[in-house]
Amino acid sequence: MNQITDRQQEILKFINSYREINGYPPTIREIARQFGMSSTFGVKKHLDALVKKGYLHIESNASRGISTLPGNEPVSQTVFESNDIFNRIPVIGRVAAGTPILAEENIEGSLVIDATLTSKSGKCFALKVKGDSMIKAGIFDGDFVIVEPQKEAKTGDIVVALIDDEATVKTFERKNDTVRLLPENDNYNPIDVTNKENFSLVGRVKGIVRYFN
């Protein structure tokens, strides 16, 4: 197999990783966006080189027609090692008061996500959404919210909060010394935080991951 450049290796890893997560390959434009290229021309040059070197096949007239040739699929775990493209974060099954969020007993699995969704500290986690109270914010039942742990928020932030030992995803609002948690669904009422002893802020939502059946 012919030698490939570092950038071509990065693109190949991205294609493999993207396909592993989504079930289909990225478009040329998505590759360009991932690597900060202003035009797709540079991506096409790298893809053409990978085709000539025997790493890729590109189906003409198909926006998602990129496929790796046999023998060039990723070994699942190694794709994500020392990789600035994707990060693996824990999925938290339960958030409980008085327990560290990332305590081993709270972790139910892991999720591989775009590295741009994680914080510089690398301490983000995923939480599965239950219910439809945030649909106007584009957050649906079964989605995973990507959460950056923090104890402060500003009005308009979408947060994960803990009320009476129950985690909830809501839009944060502060007026003077009063905190309200706002649903993004007209069928639900805002939550006025009256007893701050039973309330704590878990973190800020940085993005979502959604899987289609």
Protein backbone atom coordinates (compact mmCIF):
# COMPACT_ATOMS: atom_id res chain seq x y z
CA MET A 1 0.00 0.00 0.00
CA ASN A 2 1.35 3.45 -0.92
CA GLN A 3 2.39 5.87 1.81
CA ILE A 4 -0.06 8.65 2.66
CA THR A 5 0.54 12.10 4.14
CA ASP A 6 -0.40 13.10 7.68
CA ARG A 7 -3.37 15.12 6.41
CA GLN A 8 -4.57 12.23 4.26
CA GLN A 9 -4.29 9.96 7.31
CA GLU A 10 -6.39 12.44 9.32
CA ILE A 11 -9.03 12.56 6.59
CA LEU A 12 -9.12 8.78 6.34
CA LYS A 13 -9.56 8.49 10.12
CA PHE A 14 -12.34 11.08 10.04
CA ILE A 15 -14.18 9.21 7.27
CA ASN A 16 -13.89 5.92 9.16
CA SER A 17 -14.89 7.44 12.50
CA TYR A 18 -17.81 9.38 11.03
CA ARG A 19 -19.12 6.24 9.35
CA GLU A 20 -18.72 4.19 12.53
CA ILE A 21 -20.81 6.68 14.49
CA ASN A 22 -23.45 7.65 11.92
CA GLY A 23 -23.71 4.55 9.76
CA TYR A 24 -22.87 6.45 6.58
CA PRO A 25 -19.85 8.43 5.29
CA PRO A 26 -19.46 12.21 5.39
CA THR A 27 -19.94 14.45 2.39
CA ILE A 28 -17.00 16.32 0.87
CA ARG A 29 -18.37 19.55 2.32
CA GLU A 30 -18.55 18.03 5.80
CA ILE A 31 -14.91 16.95 5.50
CA ALA A 32 -13.94 20.47 4.42
CA ARG A 33 -15.79 21.95 7.40
CA GLN A 34 -14.13 19.52 9.81
CA PHE A 35 -10.64 20.53 8.68
CA GLY A 36 -11.35 24.25 8.34
CA MET A 37 -11.02 24.32 4.56
CA SER A 38 -12.84 27.20 2.89
CA SER A 39 -13.41 25.25 -0.33
CA THR A 40 -13.95 21.63 -1.26
CA PHE A 41 -11.17 21.72 -3.85
CA GLY A 42 -8.44 20.85 -1.34
CA VAL A 43 -10.51 17.97 0.04
CA LYS A 44 -11.05 16.58 -3.45
CA LYS A 45 -7.29 16.57 -4.07
CA HIS A 46 -6.69 14.54 -0.91
CA LEU A 47 -9.56 12.17 -1.71
CA ASP A 48 -8.28 11.65 -5.26
CA ALA A 49 -4.86 10.81 -3.82
CA LEU A 50 -6.41 8.30 -1.40
CA VAL A 51 -8.30 6.70 -4.29
CA LYS A 52 -5.11 6.40 -6.37
CA LYS A 53 -3.23 4.92 -3.41
CA GLY A 54 -5.90 2.27 -2.90
CA TYR A 55 -7.48 3.50 0.33
CA LEU A 56 -10.82 4.81 -0.92
CA HIS A 57 -13.50 4.26 -3.53
CA ILE A 58 -15.76 7.16 -4.51
CA GLU A 59 -19.14 6.52 -6.11
CA SER A 60 -19.80 9.20 -8.73
CA ASN A 61 -23.03 11.21 -8.55
CA ALA A 62 -23.57 10.35 -4.87
CA SER A 63 -23.15 12.96 -2.12
CA ARG A 64 -22.22 10.25 0.39
CA GLY A 65 -20.43 7.96 -2.01
CA ILE A 66 -17.11 7.70 -0.17
CA SER A 67 -16.15 4.24 1.08
CA THR A 68 -12.95 2.70 2.40
CA LEU A 69 -11.61 -0.33 0.57
CA PRO A 70 -11.30 -3.71 2.34
CA GLY A 71 -8.37 -3.76 4.74
CA ASN A 72 -8.62 -0.04 5.51
CA GLU A 73 -11.49 -0.07 8.01
CA PRO A 74 -10.67 1.26 11.47
CA VAL A 75 -9.91 -0.84 14.48
CA SER A 76 -12.65 0.70 16.62
CA GLN A 77 -10.72 1.87 19.66
CA THR A 78 -7.51 2.98 17.96
CA VAL A 79 -9.37 5.42 15.73
CA PHE A 80 -10.03 7.59 18.77
CA GLU A 81 -6.65 7.46 20.46
CA SER A 82 -4.70 10.75 20.38
CA ASN A 83 -7.28 12.07 17.95
CA ASP A 84 -8.46 15.68 17.99
CA ILE A 85 -11.46 14.82 15.82
CA PHE A 86 -13.50 12.66 18.20
CA ASN A 87 -13.62 12.15 21.95
CA ARG A 88 -15.13 9.34 24.01
CA ILE A 89 -17.16 10.58 27.00
CA PRO A 90 -19.08 8.74 29.73
CA VAL A 91 -22.85 8.32 29.62
CA ILE A 92 -24.31 9.05 33.05
CA GLY A 93 -27.34 6.99 34.02
CA ARG A 94 -28.21 8.88 37.18
CA VAL A 95 -27.28 12.22 38.69
CA ALA A 96 -27.61 12.18 42.47
CA ALA A 97 -27.07 14.85 45.10
CA GLY A 98 -23.93 14.38 47.16
CA THR A 99 -22.37 11.96 44.67
CA PRO A 100 -19.60 12.97 42.24
CA ILE A 101 -21.12 13.08 38.75
CA LEU A 102 -18.43 10.90 37.25
CA ALA A 103 -18.46 8.34 40.06
CA GLU A 104 -18.03 4.87 38.61
CA GLU A 105 -21.44 3.71 39.84
CA ASN A 106 -23.15 6.47 37.83
CA ILE A 107 -21.56 5.56 34.48
CA GLU A 108 -23.63 3.36 32.17
CA GLY A 109 -21.47 3.42 29.08
CA SER A 110 -19.68 5.79 26.73
CA LEU A 111 -20.39 7.87 23.66
CA VAL A 112 -18.04 8.96 20.89
CA ILE A 113 -18.68 12.55 19.83
CA ASP A 114 -17.22 15.39 17.80
CA ALA A 115 -14.33 16.90 19.77
CA THR A 116 -15.75 20.41 19.26
CA LEU A 117 -18.60 19.50 21.63
CA THR A 118 -16.30 18.77 24.55
CA SER A 119 -14.74 21.26 26.92
CA LYS A 120 -11.02 21.99 27.15
CA SER A 121 -10.96 20.20 30.49
CA GLY A 122 -12.27 17.06 28.81
CA LYS A 123 -14.74 16.46 31.64
CA CYS A 124 -17.95 16.53 29.64
CA PHE A 125 -20.48 13.74 29.99
CA ALA A 126 -23.63 12.61 28.20
CA LEU A 127 -27.10 12.30 29.70
CA LYS A 128 -30.07 10.68 27.95
CA VAL A 129 -33.13 12.92 27.72
CA LYS A 130 -36.46 11.62 28.96
CA GLY A 131 -39.59 13.54 27.97
CA ASP A 132 -40.55 16.31 25.54
CA SER A 133 -40.30 19.46 27.65
CA MET A 134 -37.47 20.93 25.50
CA ILE A 135 -38.71 20.25 21.97
CA LYS A 136 -38.74 23.93 20.94
CA ALA A 137 -35.01 23.99 21.68
CA GLY A 138 -34.55 21.00 19.37
CA ILE A 139 -34.03 18.53 22.22
CA PHE A 140 -36.22 15.44 21.95
CA ASP A 141 -36.99 12.35 24.01
CA GLY A 142 -34.14 9.86 23.61
CA ASP A 143 -31.51 12.45 22.63
CA PHE A 144 -28.21 12.56 24.47
CA VAL A 145 -27.27 16.01 25.80
CA ILE A 146 -23.56 16.75 26.08
CA VAL A 147 -23.00 18.46 29.42
CA GLU A 148 -20.05 20.50 30.69
CA PRO A 149 -20.04 20.34 34.50
CA GLN A 150 -20.27 23.78 36.10
CA LYS A 151 -21.99 25.42 39.05
CA GLU A 152 -22.84 28.76 37.43
CA ALA A 153 -25.03 29.69 34.45
CA LYS A 154 -26.36 32.80 32.78
CA THR A 155 -29.86 33.53 31.57
CA GLY A 156 -30.56 31.70 28.32
CA ASP A 157 -28.20 28.80 28.97
CA ILE A 158 -29.67 25.32 28.63
CA VAL A 159 -28.66 23.49 31.77
CA VAL A 160 -28.95 20.24 33.63
CA ALA A 161 -30.19 20.93 37.15
CA LEU A 162 -30.91 18.76 40.13
CA ILE A 163 -34.16 19.34 42.03
CA ASP A 164 -35.06 17.05 44.92
CA ASP A 165 -32.57 14.49 43.58
CA GLU A 166 -34.17 14.50 40.11
CA ALA A 167 -32.19 15.70 37.08
CA THR A 168 -33.94 17.98 34.60
CA VAL A 169 -32.91 19.74 31.37
CA LYS A 170 -34.28 23.29 31.15
CA THR A 171 -33.45 26.84 30.05
CA PHE A 172 -31.91 28.82 32.90
CA GLU A 173 -33.26 32.24 33.88
CA ARG A 174 -32.12 34.47 36.73
CA LYS A 175 -33.92 37.64 37.82
CA ASN A 176 -32.22 39.37 40.71
CA ASP A 177 -31.86 36.55 43.23
CA THR A 178 -34.60 34.35 41.77
CA VAL A 179 -33.93 31.33 39.58
CA ARG A 180 -36.45 29.89 37.11
CA LEU A 181 -36.08 26.81 34.96
CA LEU A 182 -38.01 27.25 31.73
CA PRO A 183 -39.35 24.42 29.57
CA GLU A 184 -39.31 24.82 25.79
CA ASN A 185 -42.78 23.34 25.37
CA ASP A 186 -46.04 25.20 26.00
CA ASN A 187 -47.54 22.13 27.67
CA TYR A 188 -45.21 22.52 30.65
CA ASN A 189 -44.95 25.19 33.33
CA PRO A 190 -41.77 26.96 34.44
CA ILE A 191 -40.15 25.72 37.63
CA ASP A 192 -39.58 28.42 40.24
CA VAL A 193 -36.70 27.51 42.51
CA THR A 194 -37.99 28.45 45.95
CA ASN A 195 -35.96 26.08 48.10
CA LYS A 196 -32.34 26.43 47.06
CA GLU A 197 -31.29 23.72 49.48
CA ASN A 198 -33.00 21.20 47.17
CA PHE A 199 -31.54 22.74 44.00
CA SER A 200 -28.12 22.47 42.40
CA LEU A 201 -26.75 23.22 38.97
CA VAL A 202 -25.06 20.21 37.38
CA GLY A 203 -23.78 21.74 34.15
CA ARG A 204 -24.41 23.52 30.86
CA VAL A 205 -25.60 21.73 27.74
CA LYS A 206 -23.10 22.17 24.90
CA GLY A 207 -24.83 20.08 22.25
CA ILE A 208 -26.87 16.98 21.51
CA VAL A 209 -26.36 13.61 19.87
CA ARG A 210 -29.30 11.93 18.19
CA TYR A 211 -29.57 8.46 16.72
CA PHE A 212 -32.13 7.51 14.08
CA ASN A 213 -33.70 4.07 13.96
